[in-house]
C-alpha atoms as a PDB file:
ATOM      1  CA  UNK A   1     142.276 118.329 126.787  1.00  0.00           C
ATOM      2  CA  UNK A   2     143.654 118.434 123.417  1.00  0.00           C
ATOM      3  CA  UNK A   3     141.493 115.561 122.317  1.00  0.00           C
ATOM      4  CA  UNK A   4     137.652 115.563 122.660  1.00  0.00           C
ATOM      5  CA  UNK A   5     135.954 112.943 120.837  1.00  0.00           C
ATOM      6  CA  UNK A   6     132.634 114.535 121.522  1.00  0.00           C
ATOM      7  CA  UNK A   7     133.289 117.175 119.187  1.00  0.00           C
ATOM      8  CA  UNK A   8     132.538 114.801 116.355  1.00  0.00           C
ATOM      9  CA  UNK A   9     129.135 113.915 118.002  1.00  0.00           C
ATOM     10  CA  UNK A  10     127.881 117.491 118.682  1.00  0.00           C
ATOM     11  CA  UNK A  11     125.239 117.370 116.083  1.00  0.00           C
ATOM     12  CA  UNK A  12     123.344 115.096 113.665  1.00  0.00           C
ATOM     13  CA  UNK A  13     124.824 116.590 110.742  1.00  0.00           C
ATOM     14  CA  UNK A  14     128.562 116.139 112.026  1.00  0.00           C
ATOM     15  CA  UNK A  15     127.563 112.499 113.133  1.00  0.00           C
ATOM     16  CA  UNK A  16     126.272 111.895 109.696  1.00  0.00           C
ATOM     17  CA  UNK A  17     129.796 112.754 108.238  1.00  0.00           C
ATOM     18  CA  UNK A  18     131.879 110.612 110.261  1.00  0.00           C
ATOM     19  CA  UNK A  19     129.723 107.639 110.598  1.00  0.00           C
ATOM     20  CA  UNK A  20     131.662 104.505 109.697  1.00  0.00           C
ATOM     21  CA  UNK A  21     128.850 102.104 108.750  1.00  0.00           C
ATOM     22  CA  UNK A  22     125.905 102.993 106.331  1.00  0.00           C
ATOM     23  CA  UNK A  23     122.899 100.601 105.591  1.00  0.00           C
ATOM     24  CA  UNK A  24     121.467 100.843 102.302  1.00  0.00           C
ATOM     25  CA  UNK A  25     118.252  99.164 100.756  1.00  0.00           C
ATOM     26  CA  UNK A  26     120.632  97.804  98.134  1.00  0.00           C
ATOM     27  CA  UNK A  27     122.296  95.683 100.982  1.00  0.00           C
ATOM     28  CA  UNK A  28     119.134  93.447 101.518  1.00  0.00           C
ATOM     29  CA  UNK A  29     117.694  90.316 100.122  1.00  0.00           C
ATOM     30  CA  UNK A  30     114.014  89.943 101.386  1.00  0.00           C
ATOM     31  CA  UNK A  31     113.303  86.191 102.285  1.00  0.00           C
ATOM     32  CA  UNK A  32     109.413  85.523 101.260  1.00  0.00           C
ATOM     33  CA  UNK A  33     107.213  82.516 101.700  1.00  0.00           C
ATOM     34  CA  UNK A  34     105.323  80.894  98.857  1.00  0.00           C
ATOM     35  CA  UNK A  35     102.169  78.568  98.970  1.00  0.00           C
ATOM     36  CA  UNK A  36     100.064  77.099  96.230  1.00  0.00           C
ATOM     37  CA  UNK A  37      96.785  78.522  95.329  1.00  0.00           C
ATOM     38  CA  UNK A  38      95.226  81.753  94.321  1.00  0.00           C
ATOM     39  CA  UNK A  39      94.495  85.078  96.571  1.00  0.00           C
ATOM     40  CA  UNK A  40      96.100  83.554  99.833  1.00  0.00           C
ATOM     41  CA  UNK A  41      97.880  85.645 102.174  1.00  0.00           C
ATOM     42  CA  UNK A  42      98.425  83.947 105.668  1.00  0.00           C
ATOM     43  CA  UNK A  43     100.350  85.662 108.353  1.00  0.00           C
ATOM     44  CA  UNK A  44     102.874  83.668 110.227  1.00  0.00           C
ATOM     45  CA  UNK A  45     101.745  83.562 113.918  1.00  0.00           C
ATOM     46  CA  UNK A  46     105.184  83.874 115.354  1.00  0.00           C
ATOM     47  CA  UNK A  47     106.540  86.452 112.695  1.00  0.00           C
ATOM     48  CA  UNK A  48     104.130  89.481 112.924  1.00  0.00           C
ATOM     49  CA  UNK A  49     103.968  91.300 109.593  1.00  0.00           C
ATOM     50  CA  UNK A  50     105.394  88.441 107.564  1.00  0.00           C
ATOM     51  CA  UNK A  51     103.014  86.304 105.225  1.00  0.00           C
ATOM     52  CA  UNK A  52     102.812  83.212 103.326  1.00  0.00           C
ATOM     53  CA  UNK A  53     101.561  84.425  99.742  1.00  0.00           C
ATOM     54  CA  UNK A  54     100.143  82.643  96.794  1.00  0.00           C
ATOM     55  CA  UNK A  55     102.014  83.570  93.688  1.00  0.00           C
ATOM     56  CA  UNK A  56      99.325  86.277  92.409  1.00  0.00           C
ATOM     57  CA  UNK A  57      99.763  88.311  95.693  1.00  0.00           C
ATOM     58  CA  UNK A  58     103.409  87.523  95.880  1.00  0.00           C
ATOM     59  CA  UNK A  59     103.792  89.303  92.563  1.00  0.00           C
ATOM     60  CA  UNK A  60     101.986  92.239  93.822  1.00  0.00           C
ATOM     61  CA  UNK A  61     104.281  92.251  97.050  1.00  0.00           C
ATOM     62  CA  UNK A  62     107.395  91.982  94.966  1.00  0.00           C
ATOM     63  CA  UNK A  63     106.249  94.972  92.830  1.00  0.00           C
ATOM     64  CA  UNK A  64     105.803  97.001  96.114  1.00  0.00           C
ATOM     65  CA  UNK A  65     109.365  96.089  97.131  1.00  0.00           C
ATOM     66  CA  UNK A  66     110.896  96.979  93.805  1.00  0.00           C
ATOM     67  CA  UNK A  67     109.211 100.391  93.886  1.00  0.00           C
ATOM     68  CA  UNK A  68     110.836 100.782  97.295  1.00  0.00           C
ATOM     69  CA  UNK A  69     114.375  99.769  95.827  1.00  0.00           C
ATOM     70  CA  UNK A  70     114.562  96.136  96.992  1.00  0.00           C
ATOM     71  CA  UNK A  71     115.851  94.175  94.074  1.00  0.00           C
ATOM     72  CA  UNK A  72     116.675  90.667  95.532  1.00  0.00           C
ATOM     73  CA  UNK A  73     114.307  88.076  96.900  1.00  0.00           C
ATOM     74  CA  UNK A  74     114.873  84.583  98.357  1.00  0.00           C
ATOM     75  CA  UNK A  75     111.927  82.518  97.869  1.00  0.00           C
ATOM     76  CA  UNK A  76     110.858  79.610 100.174  1.00  0.00           C
ATOM     77  CA  UNK A  77     108.082  77.198  99.346  1.00  0.00           C
ATOM     78  CA  UNK A  78     105.602  75.804 101.941  1.00  0.00           C
ATOM     79  CA  UNK A  79     104.432  72.366 100.942  1.00  0.00           C
ATOM     80  CA  UNK A  80     101.442  70.384 102.287  1.00  0.00           C
ATOM     81  CA  UNK A  81     102.378  67.002 103.904  1.00  0.00           C
ATOM     82  CA  UNK A  82     100.706  65.294 100.826  1.00  0.00           C
ATOM     83  CA  UNK A  83     103.461  66.443  98.545  1.00  0.00           C
ATOM     84  CA  UNK A  84     106.078  65.307 100.777  1.00  0.00           C
ATOM     85  CA  UNK A  85     108.072  61.917 100.630  1.00  0.00           C
ATOM     86  CA  UNK A  86     111.424  60.522 101.745  1.00  0.00           C
ATOM     87  CA  UNK A  87     113.109  61.416  98.511  1.00  0.00           C
ATOM     88  CA  UNK A  88     111.832  64.941  98.311  1.00  0.00           C
ATOM     89  CA  UNK A  89     110.791  64.156  94.836  1.00  0.00           C
ATOM     90  CA  UNK A  90     108.585  67.143  94.417  1.00  0.00           C
ATOM     91  CA  UNK A  91     111.532  69.552  94.644  1.00  0.00           C
ATOM     92  CA  UNK A  92     112.446  68.721  90.987  1.00  0.00           C
ATOM     93  CA  UNK A  93     109.034  67.924  89.531  1.00  0.00           C
ATOM     94  CA  UNK A  94     108.898  70.383  86.676  1.00  0.00           C
ATOM     95  CA  UNK A  95     105.005  71.049  87.268  1.00  0.00           C
ATOM     96  CA  UNK A  96     105.579  71.957  90.865  1.00  0.00           C
ATOM     97  CA  UNK A  97     104.197  75.337  91.901  1.00  0.00           C
ATOM     98  CA  UNK A  98     107.593  76.555  93.182  1.00  0.00           C
ATOM     99  CA  UNK A  99     109.441  76.026  90.052  1.00  0.00           C
ATOM    100  CA  UNK A 100     106.591  77.569  88.049  1.00  0.00           C
ATOM    101  CA  UNK A 101     106.611  80.589  90.434  1.00  0.00           C
ATOM    102  CA  UNK A 102     110.303  81.221  89.932  1.00  0.00           C
ATOM    103  CA  UNK A 103     109.886  81.441  86.194  1.00  0.00           C
ATOM    104  CA  UNK A 104     106.766  83.666  86.449  1.00  0.00           C
ATOM    105  CA  UNK A 105     108.628  85.941  88.888  1.00  0.00           C
ATOM    106  CA  UNK A 106     111.589  86.206  86.498  1.00  0.00           C
ATOM    107  CA  UNK A 107     109.293  86.700  83.381  1.00  0.00           C
ATOM    108  CA  UNK A 108     107.489  89.666  84.912  1.00  0.00           C
ATOM    109  CA  UNK A 109     110.514  91.056  86.866  1.00  0.00           C
ATOM    110  CA  UNK A 110     113.556  90.203  84.734  1.00  0.00           C
ATOM    111  CA  UNK A 111     115.732  92.729  86.612  1.00  0.00           C
ATOM    112  CA  UNK A 112     115.315  91.340  90.010  1.00  0.00           C
ATOM    113  CA  UNK A 113     117.357  88.726  91.561  1.00  0.00           C
ATOM    114  CA  UNK A 114     115.721  85.449  92.506  1.00  0.00           C
ATOM    115  CA  UNK A 115     117.379  83.277  95.067  1.00  0.00           C
ATOM    116  CA  UNK A 116     116.229  79.794  95.980  1.00  0.00           C
ATOM    117  CA  UNK A 117     116.697  77.424  98.712  1.00  0.00           C
ATOM    118  CA  UNK A 118     118.517  74.034  98.176  1.00  0.00           C
ATOM    119  CA  UNK A 119     117.735  71.654 100.889  1.00  0.00           C
ATOM    120  CA  UNK A 120     115.370  68.612 101.468  1.00  0.00           C
ATOM    121  CA  UNK A 121     113.471  69.748 104.355  1.00  0.00           C
ATOM    122  CA  UNK A 122     110.494  71.664 102.611  1.00  0.00           C
ATOM    123  CA  UNK A 123     109.790  68.449 100.483  1.00  0.00           C
ATOM    124  CA  UNK A 124     110.960  65.624 103.033  1.00  0.00           C
ATOM    125  CA  UNK A 125     108.387  63.619 104.859  1.00  0.00           C
ATOM    126  CA  UNK A 126     111.187  63.306 107.630  1.00  0.00           C
ATOM    127  CA  UNK A 127     111.782  67.119 107.757  1.00  0.00           C
ATOM    128  CA  UNK A 128     115.454  66.824 107.453  1.00  0.00           C
ATOM    129  CA  UNK A 129     117.678  68.622 105.015  1.00  0.00           C
ATOM    130  CA  UNK A 130     119.129  65.269 103.971  1.00  0.00           C
ATOM    131  CA  UNK A 131     118.025  61.566 103.206  1.00  0.00           C
ATOM    132  CA  UNK A 132     117.260  59.680 106.402  1.00  0.00           C
ATOM    133  CA  UNK A 133     118.007  56.112 106.809  1.00  0.00           C
ATOM    134  CA  UNK A 134     117.759  54.425 110.179  1.00  0.00           C
ATOM    135  CA  UNK A 135     117.835  57.561 111.899  1.00  0.00           C
ATOM    136  CA  UNK A 136     121.091  58.774 110.189  1.00  0.00           C
ATOM    137  CA  UNK A 137     121.359  61.576 107.630  1.00  0.00           C
ATOM    138  CA  UNK A 138     123.217  60.147 104.494  1.00  0.00           C
ATOM    139  CA  UNK A 139     125.420  62.660 102.933  1.00  0.00           C
ATOM    140  CA  UNK A 140     126.486  61.478  99.561  1.00  0.00           C
ATOM    141  CA  UNK A 141     123.063  60.041  98.775  1.00  0.00           C
ATOM    142  CA  UNK A 142     121.740  63.307  99.549  1.00  0.00           C
ATOM    143  CA  UNK A 143     123.954  65.153  97.041  1.00  0.00           C
ATOM    144  CA  UNK A 144     122.205  63.558  94.233  1.00  0.00           C
ATOM    145  CA  UNK A 145     118.940  64.606  95.240  1.00  0.00           C
ATOM    146  CA  UNK A 146     120.211  68.268  95.842  1.00  0.00           C
ATOM    147  CA  UNK A 147     121.783  68.058  92.302  1.00  0.00           C
ATOM    148  CA  UNK A 148     118.445  67.435  90.765  1.00  0.00           C
ATOM    149  CA  UNK A 149     116.856  70.236  92.766  1.00  0.00           C
ATOM    150  CA  UNK A 150     119.483  72.668  91.800  1.00  0.00           C
ATOM    151  CA  UNK A 151     119.359  71.837  88.148  1.00  0.00           C
ATOM    152  CA  UNK A 152     115.592  72.348  88.269  1.00  0.00           C
ATOM    153  CA  UNK A 153     115.834  75.623  90.052  1.00  0.00           C
ATOM    154  CA  UNK A 154     118.319  76.961  87.586  1.00  0.00           C
ATOM    155  CA  UNK A 155     116.157  75.845  84.605  1.00  0.00           C
ATOM    156  CA  UNK A 156     113.294  77.664  86.026  1.00  0.00           C
ATOM    157  CA  UNK A 157     115.274  80.854  86.194  1.00  0.00           C
ATOM    158  CA  UNK A 158     116.996  81.250  89.533  1.00  0.00           C
ATOM    159  CA  UNK A 159     119.865  83.720  89.621  1.00  0.00           C
ATOM    160  CA  UNK A 160     121.406  82.376  92.980  1.00  0.00           C
ATOM    161  CA  UNK A 161     121.037  79.020  94.540  1.00  0.00           C
ATOM    162  CA  UNK A 162     121.389  78.784  98.353  1.00  0.00           C
ATOM    163  CA  UNK A 163     122.361  75.405  99.402  1.00  0.00           C
ATOM    164  CA  UNK A 164     121.288  75.392 103.085  1.00  0.00           C
ATOM    165  CA  UNK A 165     121.574  71.660 103.817  1.00  0.00           C
ATOM    166  CA  UNK A 166     125.120  71.627 105.134  1.00  0.00           C
ATOM    167  CA  UNK A 167     126.057  68.325 103.540  1.00  0.00           C
ATOM    168  CA  UNK A 168     129.694  67.872 102.775  1.00  0.00           C
ATOM    169  CA  UNK A 169     130.773  68.638  99.201  1.00  0.00           C
ATOM    170  CA  UNK A 170     127.501  69.909  98.191  1.00  0.00           C
ATOM    171  CA  UNK A 171     128.853  73.231  96.785  1.00  0.00           C
ATOM    172  CA  UNK A 172     131.353  71.589  94.361  1.00  0.00           C
ATOM    173  CA  UNK A 173     128.655  68.766  93.520  1.00  0.00           C
ATOM    174  CA  UNK A 174     126.047  71.491  92.673  1.00  0.00           C
ATOM    175  CA  UNK A 175     128.555  73.692  90.833  1.00  0.00           C
ATOM    176  CA  UNK A 176     129.577  70.652  88.475  1.00  0.00           C
ATOM    177  CA  UNK A 177     125.952  69.912  87.711  1.00  0.00           C
ATOM    178  CA  UNK A 178     125.187  73.591  86.831  1.00  0.00           C
ATOM    179  CA  UNK A 179     128.417  74.058  84.491  1.00  0.00           C
ATOM    180  CA  UNK A 180     127.780  70.688  82.878  1.00  0.00           C
ATOM    181  CA  UNK A 181     124.365  71.867  81.983  1.00  0.00           C
ATOM    182  CA  UNK A 182     125.274  75.245  80.449  1.00  0.00           C
ATOM    183  CA  UNK A 183     124.284  77.232  83.840  1.00  0.00           C
ATOM    184  CA  UNK A 184     127.753  78.692  84.300  1.00  0.00           C
ATOM    185  CA  UNK A 185     126.105  82.118  85.175  1.00  0.00           C
ATOM    186  CA  UNK A 186     124.082  80.896  88.117  1.00  0.00           C
ATOM    187  CA  UNK A 187     125.490  81.768  91.339  1.00  0.00           C
ATOM    188  CA  UNK A 188     125.823  79.766  94.596  1.00  0.00           C
ATOM    189  CA  UNK A 189     125.413  81.641  97.962  1.00  0.00           C
ATOM    190  CA  UNK A 190     126.525  78.912 100.251  1.00  0.00           C
ATOM    191  CA  UNK A 191     125.208  78.580 103.839  1.00  0.00           C
ATOM    192  CA  UNK A 192     128.816  78.356 105.033  1.00  0.00           C
ATOM    193  CA  UNK A 193     128.598  78.431 108.700  1.00  0.00           C
ATOM    194  CA  UNK A 194     125.101  77.569 109.384  1.00  0.00           C
ATOM    195  CA  UNK A 195     124.671  76.689 113.175  1.00  0.00           C
ATOM    196  CA  UNK A 196     122.426  74.434 114.937  1.00  0.00           C
ATOM    197  CA  UNK A 197     120.379  77.330 116.311  1.00  0.00           C
ATOM    198  CA  UNK A 198     117.247  77.890 118.652  1.00  0.00           C
ATOM    199  CA  UNK A 199     116.474  80.980 116.492  1.00  0.00           C
ATOM    200  CA  UNK A 200     115.021  79.059 113.584  1.00  0.00           C
ATOM    201  CA  UNK A 201     111.651  78.185 115.153  1.00  0.00           C
ATOM    202  CA  UNK A 202     109.403  80.713 113.523  1.00  0.00           C
ATOM    203  CA  UNK A 203     110.841  79.729 110.048  1.00  0.00           C
ATOM    204  CA  UNK A 204     109.983  76.220 110.703  1.00  0.00           C
ATOM    205  CA  UNK A 205     106.366  77.323 111.585  1.00  0.00           C
ATOM    206  CA  UNK A 206     106.092  79.283 108.403  1.00  0.00           C
ATOM    207  CA  UNK A 207     107.204  76.099 106.195  1.00  0.00           C
ATOM    208  CA  UNK A 208     105.905  73.477 108.559  1.00  0.00           C
ATOM    209  CA  UNK A 209     109.246  71.829 108.066  1.00  0.00           C
ATOM    210  CA  UNK A 210     110.455  70.936 111.543  1.00  0.00           C
ATOM    211  CA  UNK A 211     112.222  67.301 111.829  1.00  0.00           C
ATOM    212  CA  UNK A 212     109.887  64.622 112.563  1.00  0.00           C
ATOM    213  CA  UNK A 213     112.436  63.010 114.830  1.00  0.00           C
ATOM    214  CA  UNK A 214     115.958  64.017 116.097  1.00  0.00           C
ATOM    215  CA  UNK A 215     117.595  67.407 115.418  1.00  0.00           C
ATOM    216  CA  UNK A 216     119.995  68.718 112.849  1.00  0.00           C
ATOM    217  CA  UNK A 217     123.096  68.856 115.095  1.00  0.00           C
ATOM    218  CA  UNK A 218     124.982  66.005 112.867  1.00  0.00           C
ATOM    219  CA  UNK A 219     125.069  68.607 110.049  1.00  0.00           C
ATOM    220  CA  UNK A 220     124.445  72.090 111.131  1.00  0.00           C
ATOM    221  CA  UNK A 221     127.400  73.680 113.193  1.00  0.00           C
ATOM    222  CA  UNK A 222     127.912  73.666 117.024  1.00  0.00           C
ATOM    223  CA  UNK A 223     127.210  76.806 118.450  1.00  0.00           C
ATOM    224  CA  UNK A 224     130.315  76.641 120.587  1.00  0.00           C
ATOM    225  CA  UNK A 225     132.565  76.505 117.491  1.00  0.00           C
ATOM    226  CA  UNK A 226     134.360  79.592 115.911  1.00  0.00           C
ATOM    227  CA  UNK A 227     137.491  78.459 113.784  1.00  0.00           C
ATOM    228  CA  UNK A 228     135.487  75.470 112.177  1.00  0.00           C
ATOM    229  CA  UNK A 229     133.618  78.159 110.237  1.00  0.00           C
ATOM    230  CA  UNK A 230     137.121  78.790 108.344  1.00  0.00           C
ATOM    231  CA  UNK A 231     137.190  75.050 107.523  1.00  0.00           C
ATOM    232  CA  UNK A 232     133.662  75.371 106.011  1.00  0.00           C
ATOM    233  CA  UNK A 233     134.557  78.501 104.246  1.00  0.00           C
ATOM    234  CA  UNK A 234     137.897  77.271 102.649  1.00  0.00           C
ATOM    235  CA  UNK A 235     136.128  74.149 101.436  1.00  0.00           C
ATOM    236  CA  UNK A 236     133.022  76.247  99.869  1.00  0.00           C
ATOM    237  CA  UNK A 237     135.509  78.663  98.245  1.00  0.00           C
ATOM    238  CA  UNK A 238     137.526  75.746  96.677  1.00  0.00           C
ATOM    239  CA  UNK A 239     134.217  74.167  95.434  1.00  0.00           C
ATOM    240  CA  UNK A 240     133.047  77.167  93.599  1.00  0.00           C
ATOM    241  CA  UNK A 241     130.956  79.272  95.956  1.00  0.00           C
ATOM    242  CA  UNK A 242     130.394  82.850  94.927  1.00  0.00           C
ATOM    243  CA  UNK A 243     129.149  84.258  98.484  1.00  0.00           C
ATOM    244  CA  UNK A 244     129.658  82.647 101.969  1.00  0.00           C
ATOM    245  CA  UNK A 245     126.891  82.991 104.320  1.00  0.00           C
ATOM    246  CA  UNK A 246     126.732  83.007 108.172  1.00  0.00           C
ATOM    247  CA  UNK A 247     123.384  82.078 109.662  1.00  0.00           C
ATOM    248  CA  UNK A 248     122.086  83.242 112.236  1.00  0.00           C
ATOM    249  CA  UNK A 249     123.587  86.744 112.158  1.00  0.00           C
ATOM    250  CA  UNK A 250     123.183  88.521 115.595  1.00  0.00           C
ATOM    251  CA  UNK A 251     124.280  85.618 117.857  1.00  0.00           C
ATOM    252  CA  UNK A 252     127.384  84.895 115.395  1.00  0.00           C
ATOM    253  CA  UNK A 253     128.523  88.566 114.743  1.00  0.00           C
ATOM    254  CA  UNK A 254     132.035  87.399 115.599  1.00  0.00           C
ATOM    255  CA  UNK A 255     131.836  84.619 113.020  1.00  0.00           C
ATOM    256  CA  UNK A 256     130.588  87.256 110.403  1.00  0.00           C
ATOM    257  CA  UNK A 257     133.884  89.184 111.046  1.00  0.00           C
ATOM    258  CA  UNK A 258     136.080  86.110 111.045  1.00  0.00           C
ATOM    259  CA  UNK A 259     134.971  85.228 107.485  1.00  0.00           C
ATOM    260  CA  UNK A 260     135.268  88.783 106.341  1.00  0.00           C
ATOM    261  CA  UNK A 261     138.915  89.039 107.542  1.00  0.00           C
ATOM    262  CA  UNK A 262     139.855  85.798 106.001  1.00  0.00           C
ATOM    263  CA  UNK A 263     137.983  85.723 102.658  1.00  0.00           C
ATOM    264  CA  UNK A 264     137.935  87.702  99.554  1.00  0.00           C
ATOM    265  CA  UNK A 265     134.457  86.462  98.712  1.00  0.00           C
ATOM    266  CA  UNK A 266     131.322  88.698  99.576  1.00  0.00           C
ATOM    267  CA  UNK A 267     130.024  87.745 102.985  1.00  0.00           C
ATOM    268  CA  UNK A 268     126.189  87.211 103.408  1.00  0.00           C
ATOM    269  CA  UNK A 269     124.294  86.995 106.894  1.00  0.00           C
ATOM    270  CA  UNK A 270     120.983  85.679 107.549  1.00  0.00           C
ATOM    271  CA  UNK A 271     119.034  87.712 110.247  1.00  0.00           C
ATOM    272  CA  UNK A 272     116.648  84.814 110.905  1.00  0.00           C
ATOM    273  CA  UNK A 273     113.199  84.460 111.859  1.00  0.00           C
ATOM    274  CA  UNK A 274     113.883  84.108 115.701  1.00  0.00           C
ATOM    275  CA  UNK A 275     115.900  87.453 115.600  1.00  0.00           C
ATOM    276  CA  UNK A 276     113.018  89.021 113.810  1.00  0.00           C
ATOM    277  CA  UNK A 277     110.440  87.674 116.150  1.00  0.00           C
ATOM    278  CA  UNK A 278     112.266  88.540 119.328  1.00  0.00           C
ATOM    279  CA  UNK A 279     112.353  92.386 118.403  1.00  0.00           C
ATOM    280  CA  UNK A 280     108.765  92.265 117.204  1.00  0.00           C
ATOM    281  CA  UNK A 281     107.409  90.621 120.208  1.00  0.00           C
ATOM    282  CA  UNK A 282     109.367  92.907 122.472  1.00  0.00           C
ATOM    283  CA  UNK A 283     108.001  96.106 120.584  1.00  0.00           C
ATOM    284  CA  UNK A 284     104.381  94.622 120.831  1.00  0.00           C
ATOM    285  CA  UNK A 285     104.852  94.332 124.650  1.00  0.00           C
ATOM    286  CA  UNK A 286     106.116  97.910 124.764  1.00  0.00           C
ATOM    287  CA  UNK A 287     109.604  96.669 126.191  1.00  0.00           C
ATOM    288  CA  UNK A 288     111.757  98.074 123.196  1.00  0.00           C
ATOM    289  CA  UNK A 289     111.427 100.706 120.506  1.00  0.00           C
ATOM    290  CA  UNK A 290     110.995  98.313 117.734  1.00  0.00           C
ATOM    291  CA  UNK A 291     112.337 100.661 115.027  1.00  0.00           C
ATOM    292  CA  UNK A 292     115.366 101.670 116.751  1.00  0.00           C
ATOM    293  CA  UNK A 293     116.039  98.136 117.881  1.00  0.00           C
ATOM    294  CA  UNK A 294     115.666  96.797 114.233  1.00  0.00           C
ATOM    295  CA  UNK A 295     118.089  99.614 112.798  1.00  0.00           C
ATOM    296  CA  UNK A 296     120.525  99.026 115.570  1.00  0.00           C
ATOM    297  CA  UNK A 297     120.570  95.183 115.050  1.00  0.00           C
ATOM    298  CA  UNK A 298     120.803  95.583 111.229  1.00  0.00           C
ATOM    299  CA  UNK A 299     123.530  98.015 111.618  1.00  0.00           C
ATOM    300  CA  UNK A 300     125.433  95.545 113.865  1.00  0.00           C
ATOM    301  CA  UNK A 301     125.412  93.139 111.022  1.00  0.00           C
ATOM    302  CA  UNK A 302     126.666  95.423 108.458  1.00  0.00           C
ATOM    303  CA  UNK A 303     129.233  96.695 110.868  1.00  0.00           C
ATOM    304  CA  UNK A 304     130.507  93.121 111.582  1.00  0.00           C
ATOM    305  CA  UNK A 305     131.361  92.687 107.915  1.00  0.00           C
ATOM    306  CA  UNK A 306     128.206  91.459 105.966  1.00  0.00           C
ATOM    307  CA  UNK A 307     128.047  92.645 102.275  1.00  0.00           C
ATOM    308  CA  UNK A 308     124.588  91.236 102.056  1.00  0.00           C
ATOM    309  CA  UNK A 309     121.918  91.016 104.807  1.00  0.00           C
ATOM    310  CA  UNK A 310     119.074  88.481 104.252  1.00  0.00           C
ATOM    311  CA  UNK A 311     116.261  89.970 106.590  1.00  0.00           C
ATOM    312  CA  UNK A 312     112.516  89.668 106.991  1.00  0.00           C
ATOM    313  CA  UNK A 313     112.891  93.614 108.183  1.00  0.00           C
ATOM    314  CA  UNK A 314     114.096  94.484 104.553  1.00  0.00           C
ATOM    315  CA  UNK A 315     110.679  95.995 103.507  1.00  0.00           C
ATOM    316  CA  UNK A 316     110.286  97.736 106.837  1.00  0.00           C
ATOM    317  CA  UNK A 317     113.483  99.321 106.528  1.00  0.00           C
ATOM    318  CA  UNK A 318     112.830 100.307 103.034  1.00  0.00           C
ATOM    319  CA  UNK A 319     109.667 101.998 103.973  1.00  0.00           C
ATOM    320  CA  UNK A 320     111.286 104.035 106.886  1.00  0.00           C
ATOM    321  CA  UNK A 321     114.411 105.153 104.871  1.00  0.00           C
ATOM    322  CA  UNK A 322     112.945 105.854 101.631  1.00  0.00           C
ATOM    323  CA  UNK A 323     113.271 109.500 100.335  1.00  0.00           C
END
């Protein structure tokens, strides 16, 4: 035999030289859950190792992560039912703990990237990403609320806004509001191909944000659809998005590759709560080597074409790969 591919696999040193895909701590955004209060650290039952933090403890956690090389954080707020209403008004209340926390984080860690979530569900008494009227999610009326939310987050100091609502036209609407108010440097990482997925369950546990009725299938994408992601990507690009995101990641690696091959924008992928929980639960049962499964799954997301990976494994990855 003239060709023996195994020669390039015969030692770890040679395998390292020829590996085609390399993961770095620089690839990650670490999603974190914020709650009001002081000295609060509450584990998410369905996400072992992931906690809801009050700001004082979140600042300490961010410092640990920065020392490990993690420089980007996506902050999600968990609000009590008493703060929620039909119009998500708490989302743009200048005195709300979430906006104050964004400002504090950027004041103490000006070098980090703070990403925020733009959607109504954390603040909505209906638990939907849009305004609900007679069981229907209203698109254009929701944009007005998302615009107020986006402006408030930009004013608080957010570097990247993450519209996760999947309303039509929201990227352009938000971009116009940001630009009109002088926030031309604030980026938009659009949840471009966000699928109506079963893998979001633990996240909704963390935020207590599940819909009170119905589901999200009229605005999140159908899991059966592939090329529809290109329609969403083209619209988001035209409307001014700076990144395109696929969510979830592992069940949609083909969609990550599709967007990578058809866009010049950076592609992000969200390694979601259910994907994290599956590996953690299997590892706890002894059914999988948790560390190897984590590394393999993250590598597959990068190999599929993601430039940026949002993952609850970010800190764990940084710990096991640090020099």
